[in-house]
Protein backbone atom coordinates (compact mmCIF):
# COMPACT_ATOMS: atom_id res chain seq x y z
CA MET A 1 116.29 100.18 90.90
CA THR A 2 118.50 97.97 89.33
CA THR A 3 121.19 96.70 91.44
CA GLU A 4 124.83 96.05 90.53
CA ARG A 5 126.30 92.80 91.91
CA PRO A 6 130.17 92.54 92.32
CA THR A 7 131.62 89.28 91.38
CA PRO A 8 133.74 88.20 94.07
CA PRO A 9 137.09 87.42 93.28
CA LEU A 10 138.72 84.04 92.12
CA ILE A 11 141.79 84.44 93.29
CA ALA A 12 143.05 87.02 96.49
CA GLY A 13 143.88 87.26 100.01
CA GLU A 14 141.85 86.14 102.56
CA ARG A 15 140.41 89.25 103.62
CA GLU A 16 139.71 90.37 100.29
CA MET A 17 138.03 87.42 99.25
CA LEU A 18 136.02 87.50 102.44
CA ARG A 19 134.55 90.82 101.63
CA GLY A 20 133.74 90.54 97.70
CA TYR A 21 131.76 87.58 99.19
CA LEU A 22 130.15 89.56 101.59
CA ASP A 23 129.56 92.07 99.27
CA PHE A 24 128.24 89.81 96.43
CA HIS A 25 125.74 88.13 98.78
CA ARG A 26 124.49 91.43 100.23
CA ALA A 27 124.06 92.86 96.38
CA THR A 28 122.45 89.37 95.49
CA LEU A 29 119.19 90.15 98.68
CA ALA A 30 118.96 93.83 96.79
CA MET A 31 118.69 91.90 93.43
CA LYS A 32 116.13 89.93 94.61
CA CYS A 33 114.24 92.94 95.66
CA ASP A 34 114.64 95.13 92.78
CA GLY A 35 111.26 96.44 91.06
CA LEU A 36 108.87 95.02 93.89
CA SER A 37 106.27 97.56 95.31
CA ASP A 38 106.11 97.71 99.28
CA GLU A 39 103.15 95.36 98.91
CA ASP A 40 105.26 92.87 97.51
CA LEU A 41 107.99 93.10 99.47
CA ARG A 42 105.67 92.13 102.28
CA ARG A 43 104.08 88.98 100.34
CA ARG A 44 104.17 86.16 103.33
CA SER A 45 106.05 83.16 102.24
CA VAL A 46 103.03 80.81 103.46
CA PRO A 47 100.19 82.76 105.54
CA SER A 48 101.28 81.27 108.71
CA SER A 49 104.68 82.59 108.26
CA THR A 50 106.21 86.06 108.98
CA LEU A 51 109.00 85.35 106.43
CA THR A 52 109.00 88.08 103.43
CA LEU A 53 111.53 89.93 101.20
CA LEU A 54 111.01 93.13 103.15
CA GLY A 55 111.60 91.43 106.56
CA LEU A 56 114.88 89.46 105.11
CA VAL A 57 116.18 93.05 104.78
CA ARG A 58 115.07 93.90 107.94
CA HIS A 59 116.62 90.89 109.68
CA MET A 60 119.89 91.92 107.64
CA ALA A 61 119.82 95.15 108.93
CA GLU A 62 119.72 93.97 112.52
CA VAL A 63 122.52 91.02 111.91
CA GLU A 64 125.14 93.54 110.38
CA ARG A 65 124.57 95.88 113.39
CA VAL A 66 124.35 93.23 116.31
CA TRP A 67 127.86 91.49 114.45
CA PHE A 68 130.17 94.65 113.69
CA ARG A 69 128.58 97.36 115.50
CA ARG A 70 127.91 95.61 119.10
CA VAL A 71 130.27 92.46 118.77
CA ILE A 72 133.22 93.82 116.74
CA ASN A 73 133.10 97.53 117.79
CA ALA A 74 131.86 97.32 121.25
CA GLU A 75 129.01 100.02 120.48
CA ASP A 76 126.41 100.26 122.91
CA VAL A 77 123.36 100.74 120.14
CA PRO A 78 119.71 99.44 120.66
CA ARG A 79 118.82 96.59 117.98
CA VAL A 80 117.02 98.09 115.42
CA TRP A 81 113.75 96.36 115.64
CA SER A 82 113.71 94.65 118.86
CA ALA A 83 114.22 96.30 122.36
CA ASP A 84 115.01 92.45 124.01
CA GLY A 85 117.38 91.08 121.56
CA ASP A 86 115.03 89.00 119.07
CA PHE A 87 116.53 88.86 115.92
CA GLN A 88 112.92 87.13 114.62
CA ALA A 89 111.38 90.42 115.37
CA ALA A 90 112.75 92.02 112.55
CA PHE A 91 110.83 89.56 109.90
CA ASP A 92 107.60 90.81 110.82
CA ALA A 93 107.36 93.41 108.27
CA ALA A 94 103.57 94.00 108.56
CA GLY A 95 103.27 97.91 107.62
CA ALA A 96 107.09 98.25 107.04
CA THR A 97 107.98 100.17 103.67
CA ARG A 98 111.10 99.65 101.34
CA ALA A 99 112.16 102.57 101.99
CA GLU A 100 112.47 102.56 106.10
CA ALA A 101 113.79 98.87 105.98
CA PHE A 102 116.38 99.67 103.03
CA ALA A 103 117.83 102.79 105.04
CA ALA A 104 118.39 100.97 107.75
CA TRP A 105 119.99 98.27 105.81
CA GLN A 106 122.39 100.19 104.13
CA ALA A 107 123.27 102.44 107.14
CA GLU A 108 124.28 99.02 108.71
CA VAL A 109 126.19 97.88 105.63
CA GLY A 110 127.92 101.73 105.69
CA HIS A 111 129.12 100.94 109.28
CA ALA A 112 130.12 97.08 108.82
CA ARG A 113 132.33 98.60 105.43
CA ARG A 114 133.89 100.87 107.85
CA ILE A 115 134.51 98.91 110.86
CA GLU A 116 135.97 96.05 108.93
CA GLU A 117 138.04 98.32 106.72
CA SER A 118 139.42 100.02 109.75
CA ALA A 119 140.42 97.11 111.64
CA GLU A 120 143.90 95.82 111.46
CA SER A 121 143.40 92.40 110.71
CA LEU A 122 140.58 89.59 110.63
CA ASP A 123 142.41 88.47 114.03
CA VAL A 124 140.77 91.95 115.98
CA THR A 125 137.93 90.60 118.07
CA GLY A 126 134.82 90.92 120.19
CA TYR A 127 132.83 90.17 122.77
CA PHE A 128 129.62 87.94 122.02
CA ALA A 129 127.33 88.06 125.18
CA ARG A 130 125.14 85.68 123.82
CA TRP A 131 127.77 82.75 123.53
CA ASP A 132 129.83 84.61 126.64
CA GLU A 133 132.73 84.40 124.09
CA GLU A 134 135.40 86.44 122.03
CA VAL A 135 135.04 85.68 118.08
CA SER A 136 137.29 87.72 115.87
CA LEU A 137 136.46 89.53 112.83
CA ARG A 138 137.23 86.66 110.59
CA MET A 139 134.76 84.44 111.95
CA VAL A 140 131.92 87.48 111.92
CA MET A 141 132.83 87.93 108.21
CA LEU A 142 132.14 83.82 107.63
CA HIS A 143 129.11 83.82 109.77
CA LEU A 144 127.70 87.19 107.77
CA ILE A 145 128.43 85.41 104.66
CA HIS A 146 126.80 82.11 105.89
CA GLU A 147 123.81 84.42 106.80
CA TYR A 148 123.21 86.30 103.58
CA ALA A 149 123.70 82.57 101.74
CA ARG A 150 121.21 80.92 103.43
CA HIS A 151 118.47 83.92 103.49
CA ASN A 152 119.10 84.19 99.40
CA GLY A 153 118.23 80.83 99.19
CA HIS A 154 114.39 82.15 101.10
CA ALA A 155 114.64 85.24 98.71
CA ASP A 156 114.81 83.17 95.81
CA LEU A 157 112.00 80.96 96.65
CA LEU A 158 109.85 84.26 97.38
CA ARG A 159 110.88 86.07 94.38
CA GLU A 160 109.99 83.26 92.35
CA ALA A 161 106.21 83.19 94.18
CA ILE A 162 105.93 87.01 93.63
CA ASP A 163 106.42 86.91 89.97
CA GLY A 164 108.13 84.37 88.60
CA THR A 165 111.51 85.81 88.40
CA VAL A 166 114.28 83.12 88.80
CA GLY A 167 118.04 82.67 88.48
CA ALA A 168 120.78 83.99 90.11
């Protein structure tokens, strides 16, 4: 599978710009996983860490689910991999498969896109219990861009360690 990565707009309205960069970073994570076996995707960055490419995909499924479905859409859905709300639990990908992780992640991205597209504006808010604060859809989209960008840096290093592949 070869992932096509959209080019974010250089000139656009705020919402289109945020959407473009979020989709760019989602596709970047998928690209870093292209062509690798389940075993490669479960390869740890260092023996003492649970950080893997597959763990990153699982983690981002959890992040998408929490911020878009639980916070913005106020859905009472459980976490994907952690009953107690631990985002880090998703990183433990021992025994996980590409099919399982990508199906969950792609499903959550689909939900997130529908929620964002149906919101009347970026000023729509939801409640984030951990902070005991209301947050806007704008903040959620910016947070997700930040989260993907940070983890895509990890994905760059993980992929290079697996097979030497480097680059955008």
